[in-house]
């Protein structure tokens, strides 16, 4: 992948949307691309990972019990989605595995790489963090709406479901 491709992918992502062209060029040096084949695991359930991933192309399944008879796909993430944003911020273990569905291309930003920019370009770090928080807020909003819809459904069924 060329430097221009990296910059374009970063700029199109949720973490790069507020970056200036200069910040995008500097941040592109910090990101690493990874190509995944169908069924390849990006991060295993229970693992700690200090990377924030962005899906450039393809899909990642969020899977509990990956590779076992009890495997359950909880959600499918698509191009443009952020992956591992909470583990990236606080270092917690991944609740589920991230498994590619088809050929998938991601880029990853290591927490330490972003933190190293605090001294030289705190504004870029701030803009990336705003993108992460915006994404987490959208997820929280969607979960809240789904919870209300489920509660209404159960109420209308008089508890019979």
Protein backbone atom coordinates (compact mmCIF):
# COMPACT_ATOMS: atom_id res chain seq x y z
CA UNK A 1 0.00 0.00 0.00
CA UNK A 2 1.41 3.37 -0.97
CA UNK A 3 1.73 6.32 1.39
CA UNK A 4 -1.01 8.09 -0.56
CA UNK A 5 -3.32 5.07 -0.12
CA UNK A 6 -2.59 5.10 3.63
CA UNK A 7 -3.40 8.80 3.86
CA UNK A 8 -6.62 8.35 1.87
CA UNK A 9 -7.73 5.42 4.04
CA UNK A 10 -6.95 7.34 7.22
CA UNK A 11 -8.72 10.49 6.02
CA UNK A 12 -11.83 8.44 5.12
CA UNK A 13 -11.92 6.83 8.57
CA UNK A 14 -13.79 8.03 11.64
CA UNK A 15 -10.51 8.81 13.40
CA UNK A 16 -9.08 10.79 10.49
CA UNK A 17 -12.04 12.91 9.51
CA UNK A 18 -10.95 15.93 11.62
CA UNK A 19 -7.22 15.69 10.92
CA UNK A 20 -5.50 18.35 8.86
CA UNK A 21 -3.58 17.19 5.76
CA UNK A 22 -0.26 17.51 7.67
CA UNK A 23 -1.61 15.59 10.65
CA UNK A 24 -2.92 12.90 8.30
CA UNK A 25 0.53 12.47 6.74
CA UNK A 26 2.19 12.16 10.17
CA UNK A 27 -0.47 9.80 11.50
CA UNK A 28 -0.20 7.62 8.37
CA UNK A 29 3.40 6.90 9.38
CA UNK A 30 2.12 5.52 12.71
CA UNK A 31 -0.50 3.13 11.32
CA UNK A 32 0.16 -0.41 10.12
CA UNK A 33 -1.89 -2.29 7.55
CA UNK A 34 -2.88 -5.90 7.82
CA UNK A 35 -4.53 -8.16 5.26
CA UNK A 36 -6.66 -10.98 6.67
CA UNK A 37 -7.85 -14.07 4.83
CA UNK A 38 -11.32 -15.52 5.38
CA UNK A 39 -11.58 -16.96 8.90
CA UNK A 40 -8.35 -15.40 10.17
CA UNK A 41 -8.46 -14.12 13.75
CA UNK A 42 -7.41 -10.52 14.28
CA UNK A 43 -7.73 -10.60 18.08
CA UNK A 44 -8.67 -13.55 20.29
CA UNK A 45 -11.35 -13.47 22.95
CA UNK A 46 -9.77 -12.76 26.34
CA UNK A 47 -6.65 -11.19 24.84
CA UNK A 48 -5.43 -7.71 25.64
CA UNK A 49 -4.55 -5.66 22.60
CA UNK A 50 -3.26 -2.11 22.53
CA UNK A 51 -4.41 -1.43 18.95
CA UNK A 52 -7.32 0.48 17.53
CA UNK A 53 -8.28 -1.07 14.22
CA UNK A 54 -10.21 0.44 11.33
CA UNK A 55 -11.76 -1.81 8.70
CA UNK A 56 -10.68 -0.47 5.31
CA UNK A 57 -12.31 -3.22 3.25
CA UNK A 58 -14.24 -6.37 4.14
CA UNK A 59 -15.95 -7.55 7.32
CA UNK A 60 -15.03 -8.73 10.79
CA UNK A 61 -17.29 -11.00 12.80
CA UNK A 62 -17.44 -10.42 16.57
CA UNK A 63 -17.47 -14.02 17.84
CA UNK A 64 -17.82 -15.62 21.27
CA UNK A 65 -16.27 -19.07 21.54
CA UNK A 66 -14.51 -18.84 18.16
CA UNK A 67 -13.47 -22.23 16.85
CA UNK A 68 -15.61 -24.20 19.32
CA UNK A 69 -18.92 -26.03 18.96
CA UNK A 70 -20.55 -23.16 20.89
CA UNK A 71 -19.33 -20.42 18.52
CA UNK A 72 -21.78 -17.54 18.25
CA UNK A 73 -21.46 -14.52 15.97
CA UNK A 74 -22.70 -11.52 17.92
CA UNK A 75 -22.26 -8.84 15.30
CA UNK A 76 -20.62 -8.15 11.95
CA UNK A 77 -18.51 -5.03 11.54
CA UNK A 78 -18.07 -3.54 8.07
CA UNK A 79 -15.78 -1.13 6.22
CA UNK A 80 -15.34 2.12 8.10
CA UNK A 81 -16.07 0.65 11.53
CA UNK A 82 -13.65 1.06 14.42
CA UNK A 83 -12.63 -2.12 16.20
CA UNK A 84 -11.30 -2.49 19.71
CA UNK A 85 -11.77 1.13 20.71
CA UNK A 86 -12.47 0.40 24.38
CA UNK A 87 -9.52 -1.99 24.78
CA UNK A 88 -7.38 0.60 23.03
CA UNK A 89 -8.34 3.21 25.60
CA UNK A 90 -8.34 1.23 28.84
CA UNK A 91 -6.44 -2.00 28.10
CA UNK A 92 -9.28 -4.37 29.03
CA UNK A 93 -9.53 -7.87 27.60
CA UNK A 94 -11.56 -8.40 24.46
CA UNK A 95 -15.00 -9.82 25.23
CA UNK A 96 -15.07 -11.70 21.91
CA UNK A 97 -12.78 -12.70 19.07
CA UNK A 98 -12.55 -10.67 15.88
CA UNK A 99 -12.64 -13.02 12.89
CA UNK A 100 -12.49 -11.97 9.24
CA UNK A 101 -15.38 -12.82 6.95
CA UNK A 102 -13.87 -12.97 3.49
CA UNK A 103 -10.69 -11.10 2.61
CA UNK A 104 -10.46 -8.12 4.94
CA UNK A 105 -8.04 -5.20 5.14
CA UNK A 106 -7.56 -3.25 8.35
CA UNK A 107 -5.17 -0.67 9.64
CA UNK A 108 -4.11 -0.52 13.24
CA UNK A 109 -2.89 2.26 15.45
CA UNK A 110 -0.93 1.24 18.51
CA UNK A 111 -1.80 3.13 21.71
CA UNK A 112 1.86 3.92 22.36
CA UNK A 113 2.23 5.38 18.86
CA UNK A 114 -0.68 7.74 19.48
CA UNK A 115 0.60 8.66 22.95
CA UNK A 116 4.03 9.48 21.51
CA UNK A 117 2.37 12.25 19.49
CA UNK A 118 1.15 14.00 22.66
CA UNK A 119 4.41 15.95 22.95
CA UNK A 120 4.69 16.93 19.30
CA UNK A 121 1.06 17.16 18.12
CA UNK A 122 -1.45 17.08 20.98
CA UNK A 123 -4.09 18.54 18.67
CA UNK A 124 -3.91 15.47 16.39
CA UNK A 125 -4.28 13.16 19.40
CA UNK A 126 -7.29 15.20 20.54
CA UNK A 127 -8.90 14.93 17.10
CA UNK A 128 -8.37 11.15 16.96
CA UNK A 129 -9.83 10.76 20.46
CA UNK A 130 -12.87 12.82 19.42
CA UNK A 131 -13.43 10.33 16.59
CA UNK A 132 -13.21 7.42 19.01
CA UNK A 133 -15.58 9.02 21.51
CA UNK A 134 -18.03 9.91 18.74
CA UNK A 135 -18.08 6.23 17.72
CA UNK A 136 -18.57 5.00 21.29
CA UNK A 137 -21.39 7.52 21.73
CA UNK A 138 -23.14 6.21 18.58
CA UNK A 139 -22.86 2.65 19.89
CA UNK A 140 -24.28 3.67 23.28
CA UNK A 141 -27.15 5.53 21.63
CA UNK A 142 -27.99 2.49 19.46
CA UNK A 143 -27.91 0.17 22.49
CA UNK A 144 -30.18 2.49 24.46
CA UNK A 145 -32.70 2.63 21.61
CA UNK A 146 -32.66 -1.17 21.26
CA UNK A 147 -33.21 -1.57 25.00
CA UNK A 148 -36.25 0.72 24.86
CA UNK A 149 -37.64 -1.16 21.86
CA UNK A 150 -37.19 -4.50 23.64
CA UNK A 151 -38.83 -3.18 26.81
CA UNK A 152 -41.79 -1.87 24.78
CA UNK A 153 -42.13 -5.19 22.98
CA UNK A 154 -42.16 -7.16 26.23
CA UNK A 155 -44.63 -4.71 27.79
CA UNK A 156 -47.00 -4.99 24.82
CA UNK A 157 -46.83 -8.78 25.04
CA UNK A 158 -47.71 -8.60 28.77
CA UNK A 159 -44.48 -10.36 29.59
CA UNK A 160 -45.20 -13.23 27.14
CA UNK A 161 -42.36 -13.63 24.70
